[in-house]
Amino acid sequence: MSSNGMEKIDIIFSMRVAIEFQEKIINGVEFELLPGSGEISDFDALQTIVGVMQRLGLTMEFDDCGKIQSAYSYLKKVEKEGRWGRNIEACGLSFCFGNVTALKYSFITIKELTKGAAVSWEEWISPFIDKPGFVQAWVSDVAYDHWQNAKDLLEYTAVGRDYSQLPMTSNGLPPPLEQKIVDISNNPGRWMLQSGYVEAIGAVMWLGEEFWNRVGIDRKDHIRKENWLRIEALTSGILRLQTAECCFSDESTARVQNDLRALLYG
């Protein structure tokens, strides 16, 4: 499981999925379901990113599918349109924002395209943890995270990666759609989408009160008693957890990863 040293950070916010109905008269009465909104908006997320770019002295330009424009012009565009979502790039970094309405959370992913491009993850996360609705954030190795969670065999064949020794399972679909996929259920670096949060672990994590409300307040007390964890209490009740100096990049740290997962998620 080789790593190229590039990292990424995933940041999770809660969503207000306030279900509203709008009445329309079209040959009778039709009720249209309107989605809720996130605690953090597309514009707020991007504005915060632009602020960090400025503080780090990065070039204030975004590449949006090959179209280069200033960070402020793109910010104005998002403010006007109210949407961002797709990947944009700047200074060796990729940025993505999205709402997972069905699971009631929003996410921001900042990924390195070149090693060390992020400069400091502490700088990137700092303005986000004080915002309402912050749930969690964690840093991971890009390559390790990808292959720990890759299920489709086509991903392996496309890059000539051997999967013959990997455990397999069914995708659970009826014939003729049923096929074999890689069973990642025991991978130490796997992540699982849950309602309001993501079951994921990282060598460095930031966990807010919203996180403990979802996984169980008692787990916060148990975490504090673990002397092998480096725990720092930050503003707004945020806990910063660190278990290693570097990102998990292979299964040599499987025991630490599994122990951390058990503490946080059971």
C-alpha atoms as a PDB file:
ATOM      1  CA  MET A   1       0.000   0.000   0.000  1.00  0.00           C
ATOM      2  CA  SER A   2       2.346   2.726  -1.253  1.00  0.00           C
ATOM      3  CA  SER A   3       1.921   6.410  -0.403  1.00  0.00           C
ATOM      4  CA  ASN A   4       3.060   9.451  -2.348  1.00  0.00           C
ATOM      5  CA  GLY A   5       2.958  11.596   0.781  1.00  0.00           C
ATOM      6  CA  MET A   6       0.018  13.766  -0.264  1.00  0.00           C
ATOM      7  CA  GLU A   7      -2.638  14.455   2.368  1.00  0.00           C
ATOM      8  CA  LYS A   8      -6.173  15.733   2.632  1.00  0.00           C
ATOM      9  CA  ILE A   9      -8.519  17.058   5.265  1.00  0.00           C
ATOM     10  CA  ASP A  10     -12.236  16.317   5.477  1.00  0.00           C
ATOM     11  CA  ILE A  11     -14.444  18.687   7.468  1.00  0.00           C
ATOM     12  CA  ILE A  12     -18.019  17.777   8.430  1.00  0.00           C
ATOM     13  CA  PHE A  13     -20.842  20.150   9.400  1.00  0.00           C
ATOM     14  CA  SER A  14     -24.393  19.363  10.436  1.00  0.00           C
ATOM     15  CA  MET A  15     -27.384  20.165   8.246  1.00  0.00           C
ATOM     16  CA  ARG A  16     -30.768  21.537   9.137  1.00  0.00           C
ATOM     17  CA  VAL A  17     -33.044  19.310   7.098  1.00  0.00           C
ATOM     18  CA  ALA A  18     -36.150  21.316   7.858  1.00  0.00           C
ATOM     19  CA  ILE A  19     -38.842  19.772   5.726  1.00  0.00           C
ATOM     20  CA  GLU A  20     -41.106  22.363   4.192  1.00  0.00           C
ATOM     21  CA  PHE A  21     -43.913  22.067   1.723  1.00  0.00           C
ATOM     22  CA  GLN A  22     -44.819  24.519  -0.977  1.00  0.00           C
ATOM     23  CA  GLU A  23     -48.323  24.403  -2.328  1.00  0.00           C
ATOM     24  CA  LYS A  24     -48.796  24.718  -6.088  1.00  0.00           C
ATOM     25  CA  ILE A  25     -52.045  24.673  -7.984  1.00  0.00           C
ATOM     26  CA  ILE A  26     -51.623  22.598 -11.145  1.00  0.00           C
ATOM     27  CA  ASN A  27     -54.792  20.731 -11.983  1.00  0.00           C
ATOM     28  CA  GLY A  28     -55.384  20.426  -8.292  1.00  0.00           C
ATOM     29  CA  VAL A  29     -52.958  20.675  -5.394  1.00  0.00           C
ATOM     30  CA  GLU A  30     -49.343  19.484  -5.616  1.00  0.00           C
ATOM     31  CA  PHE A  31     -46.950  19.492  -2.674  1.00  0.00           C
ATOM     32  CA  GLU A  32     -43.279  20.023  -3.468  1.00  0.00           C
ATOM     33  CA  LEU A  33     -40.700  18.866  -0.932  1.00  0.00           C
ATOM     34  CA  LEU A  34     -38.018  21.495  -0.332  1.00  0.00           C
ATOM     35  CA  PRO A  35     -34.607  20.393   1.000  1.00  0.00           C
ATOM     36  CA  GLY A  36     -33.128  21.813   4.166  1.00  0.00           C
ATOM     37  CA  SER A  37     -29.978  23.909   4.326  1.00  0.00           C
ATOM     38  CA  GLY A  38     -26.559  23.333   5.809  1.00  0.00           C
ATOM     39  CA  GLU A  39     -25.188  25.047   8.875  1.00  0.00           C
ATOM     40  CA  ILE A  40     -22.429  26.266   6.569  1.00  0.00           C
ATOM     41  CA  SER A  41     -23.234  27.541   3.090  1.00  0.00           C
ATOM     42  CA  ASP A  42     -21.289  27.204  -0.153  1.00  0.00           C
ATOM     43  CA  PHE A  43     -20.372  30.878   0.050  1.00  0.00           C
ATOM     44  CA  ASP A  44     -19.318  30.766   3.706  1.00  0.00           C
ATOM     45  CA  ALA A  45     -17.145  27.707   3.082  1.00  0.00           C
ATOM     46  CA  LEU A  46     -15.430  29.278   0.083  1.00  0.00           C
ATOM     47  CA  GLN A  47     -15.024  32.644   1.795  1.00  0.00           C
ATOM     48  CA  THR A  48     -13.270  30.904   4.679  1.00  0.00           C
ATOM     49  CA  ILE A  49     -10.976  29.054   2.270  1.00  0.00           C
ATOM     50  CA  VAL A  50     -10.087  32.293   0.481  1.00  0.00           C
ATOM     51  CA  GLY A  51      -9.242  33.852   3.850  1.00  0.00           C
ATOM     52  CA  VAL A  52      -6.811  31.028   4.667  1.00  0.00           C
ATOM     53  CA  MET A  53      -5.232  31.279   1.209  1.00  0.00           C
ATOM     54  CA  GLN A  54      -4.607  34.954   1.833  1.00  0.00           C
ATOM     55  CA  ARG A  55      -3.066  34.344   5.271  1.00  0.00           C
ATOM     56  CA  LEU A  56      -0.757  31.652   3.866  1.00  0.00           C
ATOM     57  CA  GLY A  57       0.344  33.918   1.027  1.00  0.00           C
ATOM     58  CA  LEU A  58      -0.955  31.605  -1.696  1.00  0.00           C
ATOM     59  CA  THR A  59      -1.720  32.795  -5.220  1.00  0.00           C
ATOM     60  CA  MET A  60      -5.278  34.108  -5.160  1.00  0.00           C
ATOM     61  CA  GLU A  61      -6.568  32.300  -8.249  1.00  0.00           C
ATOM     62  CA  PHE A  62      -8.843  29.314  -8.847  1.00  0.00           C
ATOM     63  CA  ASP A  63      -8.782  26.869 -11.729  1.00  0.00           C
ATOM     64  CA  ASP A  64     -12.387  25.887 -12.436  1.00  0.00           C
ATOM     65  CA  CYS A  65     -12.291  23.163 -15.115  1.00  0.00           C
ATOM     66  CA  GLY A  66      -9.470  24.926 -16.967  1.00  0.00           C
ATOM     67  CA  LYS A  67     -10.854  28.424 -16.540  1.00  0.00           C
ATOM     68  CA  ILE A  68      -8.570  30.595 -14.414  1.00  0.00           C
ATOM     69  CA  GLN A  69     -10.109  33.436 -12.448  1.00  0.00           C
ATOM     70  CA  SER A  70      -9.235  35.413  -9.371  1.00  0.00           C
ATOM     71  CA  ALA A  71     -10.334  34.013  -6.038  1.00  0.00           C
ATOM     72  CA  TYR A  72     -12.455  37.101  -5.397  1.00  0.00           C
ATOM     73  CA  SER A  73     -14.194  36.894  -8.786  1.00  0.00           C
ATOM     74  CA  TYR A  74     -15.034  33.261  -8.154  1.00  0.00           C
ATOM     75  CA  LEU A  75     -16.246  34.120  -4.661  1.00  0.00           C
ATOM     76  CA  LYS A  76     -18.592  36.757  -6.083  1.00  0.00           C
ATOM     77  CA  LYS A  77     -19.876  34.200  -8.590  1.00  0.00           C
ATOM     78  CA  VAL A  78     -20.677  31.728  -5.814  1.00  0.00           C
ATOM     79  CA  GLU A  79     -22.336  34.460  -3.751  1.00  0.00           C
ATOM     80  CA  LYS A  80     -24.577  35.286  -6.704  1.00  0.00           C
ATOM     81  CA  GLU A  81     -25.380  31.728  -7.787  1.00  0.00           C
ATOM     82  CA  GLY A  82     -25.440  30.197  -4.312  1.00  0.00           C
ATOM     83  CA  ARG A  83     -23.680  27.067  -5.512  1.00  0.00           C
ATOM     84  CA  TRP A  84     -20.168  25.715  -5.697  1.00  0.00           C
ATOM     85  CA  GLY A  85     -19.911  21.947  -5.186  1.00  0.00           C
ATOM     86  CA  ARG A  86     -17.534  20.743  -7.887  1.00  0.00           C
ATOM     87  CA  ASN A  87     -13.772  20.525  -7.516  1.00  0.00           C
ATOM     88  CA  ILE A  88     -11.795  23.710  -8.009  1.00  0.00           C
ATOM     89  CA  GLU A  89      -8.022  23.940  -7.794  1.00  0.00           C
ATOM     90  CA  ALA A  90      -5.446  26.434  -6.574  1.00  0.00           C
ATOM     91  CA  CYS A  91      -1.756  26.251  -5.677  1.00  0.00           C
ATOM     92  CA  GLY A  92      -1.507  22.468  -5.788  1.00  0.00           C
ATOM     93  CA  LEU A  93      -4.739  21.975  -3.834  1.00  0.00           C
ATOM     94  CA  SER A  94      -8.209  20.728  -4.745  1.00  0.00           C
ATOM     95  CA  PHE A  95     -11.326  22.031  -2.966  1.00  0.00           C
ATOM     96  CA  CYS A  96     -14.774  20.454  -2.891  1.00  0.00           C
ATOM     97  CA  PHE A  97     -17.989  21.263  -1.020  1.00  0.00           C
ATOM     98  CA  GLY A  98     -21.211  19.284  -0.842  1.00  0.00           C
ATOM     99  CA  ASN A  99     -24.407  18.561   1.069  1.00  0.00           C
ATOM    100  CA  VAL A 100     -25.401  14.976   1.834  1.00  0.00           C
ATOM    101  CA  THR A 101     -29.024  15.760   2.562  1.00  0.00           C
ATOM    102  CA  ALA A 102     -30.112  12.164   3.155  1.00  0.00           C
ATOM    103  CA  LEU A 103     -27.552  11.824   5.961  1.00  0.00           C
ATOM    104  CA  LYS A 104     -27.924  15.399   7.264  1.00  0.00           C
ATOM    105  CA  TYR A 105     -24.390  16.682   6.897  1.00  0.00           C
ATOM    106  CA  SER A 106     -22.263  18.966   4.721  1.00  0.00           C
ATOM    107  CA  PHE A 107     -18.632  18.319   3.860  1.00  0.00           C
ATOM    108  CA  ILE A 108     -15.572  20.264   2.774  1.00  0.00           C
ATOM    109  CA  THR A 109     -12.607  18.347   1.361  1.00  0.00           C
ATOM    110  CA  ILE A 110      -9.235  20.004   0.809  1.00  0.00           C
ATOM    111  CA  LYS A 111      -6.786  17.685  -0.949  1.00  0.00           C
ATOM    112  CA  GLU A 112      -3.155  18.098  -1.883  1.00  0.00           C
ATOM    113  CA  LEU A 113      -2.343  17.629  -5.566  1.00  0.00           C
ATOM    114  CA  THR A 114       1.333  18.189  -4.827  1.00  0.00           C
ATOM    115  CA  LYS A 115       3.094  17.126  -1.646  1.00  0.00           C
ATOM    116  CA  GLY A 116       3.185  19.803   1.056  1.00  0.00           C
ATOM    117  CA  ALA A 117       0.887  22.199  -0.810  1.00  0.00           C
ATOM    118  CA  ALA A 118      -1.381  22.624   2.240  1.00  0.00           C
ATOM    119  CA  VAL A 119       1.523  24.135   4.225  1.00  0.00           C
ATOM    120  CA  SER A 120      -0.345  23.754   7.554  1.00  0.00           C
ATOM    121  CA  TRP A 121      -3.553  21.841   8.257  1.00  0.00           C
ATOM    122  CA  GLU A 122      -3.844  23.724  11.544  1.00  0.00           C
ATOM    123  CA  GLU A 123      -4.227  26.951   9.541  1.00  0.00           C
ATOM    124  CA  TRP A 124      -6.924  25.409   7.341  1.00  0.00           C
ATOM    125  CA  ILE A 125      -9.014  23.953  10.146  1.00  0.00           C
ATOM    126  CA  SER A 126      -8.700  26.858  12.615  1.00  0.00           C
ATOM    127  CA  PRO A 127     -11.437  29.134  11.171  1.00  0.00           C
ATOM    128  CA  PHE A 128     -13.832  26.234  10.615  1.00  0.00           C
ATOM    129  CA  ILE A 129     -13.964  24.745  14.113  1.00  0.00           C
ATOM    130  CA  ASP A 130     -15.499  27.902  15.597  1.00  0.00           C
ATOM    131  CA  LYS A 131     -18.398  27.921  13.149  1.00  0.00           C
ATOM    132  CA  PRO A 132     -21.880  26.710  14.183  1.00  0.00           C
ATOM    133  CA  GLY A 133     -22.618  23.128  13.256  1.00  0.00           C
ATOM    134  CA  PHE A 134     -19.023  21.889  13.215  1.00  0.00           C
ATOM    135  CA  VAL A 135     -19.022  18.119  13.754  1.00  0.00           C
ATOM    136  CA  GLN A 136     -15.580  16.697  13.004  1.00  0.00           C
ATOM    137  CA  ALA A 137     -12.467  16.876  10.852  1.00  0.00           C
ATOM    138  CA  TRP A 138      -9.546  14.544  10.208  1.00  0.00           C
ATOM    139  CA  VAL A 139      -6.370  14.447   8.117  1.00  0.00           C
ATOM    140  CA  SER A 140      -5.574  11.387   6.004  1.00  0.00           C
ATOM    141  CA  ASP A 141      -3.061  10.145   3.469  1.00  0.00           C
ATOM    142  CA  VAL A 142      -4.678  10.484   0.016  1.00  0.00           C
ATOM    143  CA  ALA A 143      -3.456   7.186  -1.471  1.00  0.00           C
ATOM    144  CA  TYR A 144      -3.997   5.111   1.672  1.00  0.00           C
ATOM    145  CA  ASP A 145      -7.476   6.521   2.194  1.00  0.00           C
ATOM    146  CA  HIS A 146      -8.415   5.750  -1.414  1.00  0.00           C
ATOM    147  CA  TRP A 147      -7.292   2.129  -1.516  1.00  0.00           C
ATOM    148  CA  GLN A 148      -8.588   1.333   1.958  1.00  0.00           C
ATOM    149  CA  ASN A 149     -12.042   2.253   0.652  1.00  0.00           C
ATOM    150  CA  ALA A 150     -11.908   1.105  -2.989  1.00  0.00           C
ATOM    151  CA  LYS A 151     -14.486  -1.624  -3.657  1.00  0.00           C
ATOM    152  CA  ASP A 152     -14.922  -1.663  -7.445  1.00  0.00           C
ATOM    153  CA  LEU A 153     -12.601  -4.141  -9.190  1.00  0.00           C
ATOM    154  CA  LEU A 154     -12.458  -1.829 -12.204  1.00  0.00           C
ATOM    155  CA  GLU A 155     -10.475   0.642 -10.108  1.00  0.00           C
ATOM    156  CA  TYR A 156      -7.803  -2.019  -9.616  1.00  0.00           C
ATOM    157  CA  THR A 157      -7.664  -3.225 -13.205  1.00  0.00           C
ATOM    158  CA  ALA A 158      -7.514   0.347 -14.527  1.00  0.00           C
ATOM    159  CA  VAL A 159      -4.147   0.893 -12.820  1.00  0.00           C
ATOM    160  CA  GLY A 160      -2.902  -2.707 -12.960  1.00  0.00           C
ATOM    161  CA  ARG A 161      -3.245  -3.236  -9.228  1.00  0.00           C
ATOM    162  CA  ASP A 162      -3.464  -6.864  -8.071  1.00  0.00           C
ATOM    163  CA  TYR A 163      -6.578  -7.725  -6.053  1.00  0.00           C
ATOM    164  CA  SER A 164      -6.351 -11.522  -6.167  1.00  0.00           C
ATOM    165  CA  GLN A 165      -5.471 -11.785  -2.462  1.00  0.00           C
ATOM    166  CA  LEU A 166      -8.095  -9.331  -1.241  1.00  0.00           C
ATOM    167  CA  PRO A 167     -11.284 -10.528   0.482  1.00  0.00           C
ATOM    168  CA  MET A 168     -14.398 -10.360  -1.692  1.00  0.00           C
ATOM    169  CA  THR A 169     -18.096  -9.978  -1.068  1.00  0.00           C
ATOM    170  CA  SER A 170     -21.272  -9.425  -3.073  1.00  0.00           C
ATOM    171  CA  ASN A 171     -22.521  -5.952  -3.922  1.00  0.00           C
ATOM    172  CA  GLY A 172     -25.916  -7.133  -2.668  1.00  0.00           C
ATOM    173  CA  LEU A 173     -27.776  -6.480  -5.911  1.00  0.00           C
ATOM    174  CA  PRO A 174     -30.051  -9.084  -7.556  1.00  0.00           C
ATOM    175  CA  PRO A 175     -28.998 -10.836 -10.803  1.00  0.00           C
ATOM    176  CA  PRO A 176     -27.931  -9.755 -13.354  1.00  0.00           C
ATOM    177  CA  LEU A 177     -26.577  -6.729 -11.447  1.00  0.00           C
ATOM    178  CA  GLU A 178     -24.919  -8.817  -8.736  1.00  0.00           C
ATOM    179  CA  GLN A 179     -21.129  -8.842  -8.849  1.00  0.00           C
ATOM    180  CA  LYS A 180     -18.125  -9.282  -6.627  1.00  0.00           C
ATOM    181  CA  ILE A 181     -16.568  -6.284  -4.924  1.00  0.00           C
ATOM    182  CA  VAL A 182     -13.674  -5.894  -2.500  1.00  0.00           C
ATOM    183  CA  ASP A 183     -14.717  -6.409   1.115  1.00  0.00           C
ATOM    184  CA  ILE A 184     -13.330  -3.411   3.021  1.00  0.00           C
ATOM    185  CA  SER A 185     -15.258  -4.088   6.240  1.00  0.00           C
ATOM    186  CA  ASN A 186     -12.106  -4.986   8.179  1.00  0.00           C
ATOM    187  CA  ASN A 187      -9.754  -2.394   6.700  1.00  0.00           C
ATOM    188  CA  PRO A 188      -8.340  -0.230   9.513  1.00  0.00           C
ATOM    189  CA  GLY A 189      -8.527   2.897   7.339  1.00  0.00           C
ATOM    190  CA  ARG A 190     -12.100   2.435   6.125  1.00  0.00           C
ATOM    191  CA  TRP A 191     -14.738   5.123   6.533  1.00  0.00           C
ATOM    192  CA  MET A 192     -18.491   4.691   6.737  1.00  0.00           C
ATOM    193  CA  LEU A 193     -21.174   7.313   6.154  1.00  0.00           C
ATOM    194  CA  GLN A 194     -23.561   7.700   9.071  1.00  0.00           C
ATOM    195  CA  SER A 195     -26.459  10.002   9.848  1.00  0.00           C
ATOM    196  CA  GLY A 196     -24.928  13.355  10.744  1.00  0.00           C
ATOM    197  CA  TYR A 197     -21.286  12.260  10.743  1.00  0.00           C
ATOM    198  CA  VAL A 198     -18.686  10.020   9.108  1.00  0.00           C
ATOM    199  CA  GLU A 199     -17.209   7.031  10.907  1.00  0.00           C
ATOM    200  CA  ALA A 200     -13.574   7.764  10.107  1.00  0.00           C
ATOM    201  CA  ILE A 201     -10.286   7.960  11.960  1.00  0.00           C
ATOM    202  CA  GLY A 202      -7.096   9.941  11.449  1.00  0.00           C
ATOM    203  CA  ALA A 203      -3.759  10.450  13.162  1.00  0.00           C
ATOM    204  CA  VAL A 204      -4.998  14.004  13.847  1.00  0.00           C
ATOM    205  CA  MET A 205      -8.685  14.681  14.434  1.00  0.00           C
ATOM    206  CA  TRP A 206     -10.855  17.567  15.629  1.00  0.00           C
ATOM    207  CA  LEU A 207     -14.132  16.604  17.301  1.00  0.00           C
ATOM    208  CA  GLY A 208     -16.916  18.999  18.257  1.00  0.00           C
ATOM    209  CA  GLU A 209     -19.896  18.746  20.593  1.00  0.00           C
ATOM    210  CA  GLU A 210     -22.089  17.797  17.616  1.00  0.00           C
ATOM    211  CA  PHE A 211     -19.874  14.738  17.131  1.00  0.00           C
ATOM    212  CA  TRP A 212     -20.288  13.497  20.700  1.00  0.00           C
ATOM    213  CA  ASN A 213     -24.047  14.086  20.498  1.00  0.00           C
ATOM    214  CA  ARG A 214     -24.098  11.586  17.635  1.00  0.00           C
ATOM    215  CA  VAL A 215     -21.714   8.874  18.861  1.00  0.00           C
ATOM    216  CA  GLY A 216     -22.498   9.161  22.581  1.00  0.00           C
ATOM    217  CA  ILE A 217     -21.483  11.714  25.218  1.00  0.00           C
ATOM    218  CA  ASP A 218     -20.021   8.936  27.388  1.00  0.00           C
ATOM    219  CA  ARG A 219     -17.380   8.260  24.734  1.00  0.00           C
ATOM    220  CA  LYS A 220     -15.951  11.724  25.319  1.00  0.00           C
ATOM    221  CA  ASP A 221     -15.325  10.867  28.962  1.00  0.00           C
ATOM    222  CA  HIS A 222     -13.705   7.559  28.029  1.00  0.00           C
ATOM    223  CA  ILE A 223     -11.428   9.258  25.502  1.00  0.00           C
ATOM    224  CA  ARG A 224     -10.119  11.661  28.126  1.00  0.00           C
ATOM    225  CA  LYS A 225      -8.902   8.717  30.225  1.00  0.00           C
ATOM    226  CA  GLU A 226      -6.718   7.236  27.469  1.00  0.00           C
ATOM    227  CA  ASN A 227      -3.118   8.256  28.198  1.00  0.00           C
ATOM    228  CA  TRP A 228      -1.845   7.041  24.805  1.00  0.00           C
ATOM    229  CA  LEU A 229      -3.813   9.823  23.103  1.00  0.00           C
ATOM    230  CA  ARG A 230      -2.572  13.392  22.911  1.00  0.00           C
ATOM    231  CA  ILE A 231      -5.684  15.422  23.688  1.00  0.00           C
ATOM    232  CA  GLU A 232      -5.990  19.189  23.582  1.00  0.00           C
ATOM    233  CA  ALA A 233      -9.108  21.138  24.512  1.00  0.00           C
ATOM    234  CA  LEU A 234      -9.676  23.992  22.074  1.00  0.00           C
ATOM    235  CA  THR A 235     -12.288  26.742  21.887  1.00  0.00           C
ATOM    236  CA  SER A 236     -16.012  26.010  21.722  1.00  0.00           C
ATOM    237  CA  GLY A 237     -15.595  22.596  23.328  1.00  0.00           C
ATOM    238  CA  ILE A 238     -13.536  21.179  20.448  1.00  0.00           C
ATOM    239  CA  LEU A 239     -11.159  18.322  21.255  1.00  0.00           C
ATOM    240  CA  ARG A 240      -8.032  17.838  19.160  1.00  0.00           C
ATOM    241  CA  LEU A 241      -6.845  14.224  19.171  1.00  0.00           C
ATOM    242  CA  GLN A 242      -3.446  13.086  17.945  1.00  0.00           C
ATOM    243  CA  THR A 243      -2.119   9.528  17.887  1.00  0.00           C
ATOM    244  CA  ALA A 244       0.917   9.876  15.594  1.00  0.00           C
ATOM    245  CA  GLU A 245       3.214  12.499  14.101  1.00  0.00           C
ATOM    246  CA  CYS A 246       2.371  11.455  10.525  1.00  0.00           C
ATOM    247  CA  CYS A 247      -0.782  10.328   8.738  1.00  0.00           C
ATOM    248  CA  PHE A 248      -1.659   6.658   8.757  1.00  0.00           C
ATOM    249  CA  SER A 249      -0.246   5.473   5.429  1.00  0.00           C
ATOM    250  CA  ASP A 250      -0.239   1.676   5.690  1.00  0.00           C
ATOM    251  CA  GLU A 251      -1.430  -1.182   7.872  1.00  0.00           C
ATOM    252  CA  SER A 252       1.678  -1.203  10.058  1.00  0.00           C
ATOM    253  CA  THR A 253      -0.359   1.042  12.379  1.00  0.00           C
ATOM    254  CA  ALA A 254      -3.471  -1.141  12.125  1.00  0.00           C
ATOM    255  CA  ARG A 255      -3.611  -1.755  15.882  1.00  0.00           C
ATOM    256  CA  VAL A 256      -3.599   1.964  16.700  1.00  0.00           C
ATOM    257  CA  GLN A 257      -6.204   2.643  14.012  1.00  0.00           C
ATOM    258  CA  ASN A 258      -8.485  -0.132  15.253  1.00  0.00           C
ATOM    259  CA  ASP A 259      -8.104   0.926  18.890  1.00  0.00           C
ATOM    260  CA  LEU A 260      -8.971   4.515  18.012  1.00  0.00           C
ATOM    261  CA  ARG A 261     -11.992   3.404  16.003  1.00  0.00           C
ATOM    262  CA  ALA A 262     -13.226   1.253  18.878  1.00  0.00           C
ATOM    263  CA  LEU A 263     -12.921   4.178  21.307  1.00  0.00           C
ATOM    264  CA  LEU A 264     -14.793   6.592  19.059  1.00  0.00           C
ATOM    265  CA  TYR A 265     -17.429   4.357  17.490  1.00  0.00           C
ATOM    266  CA  GLY A 266     -17.545   1.069  19.416  1.00  0.00           C
END
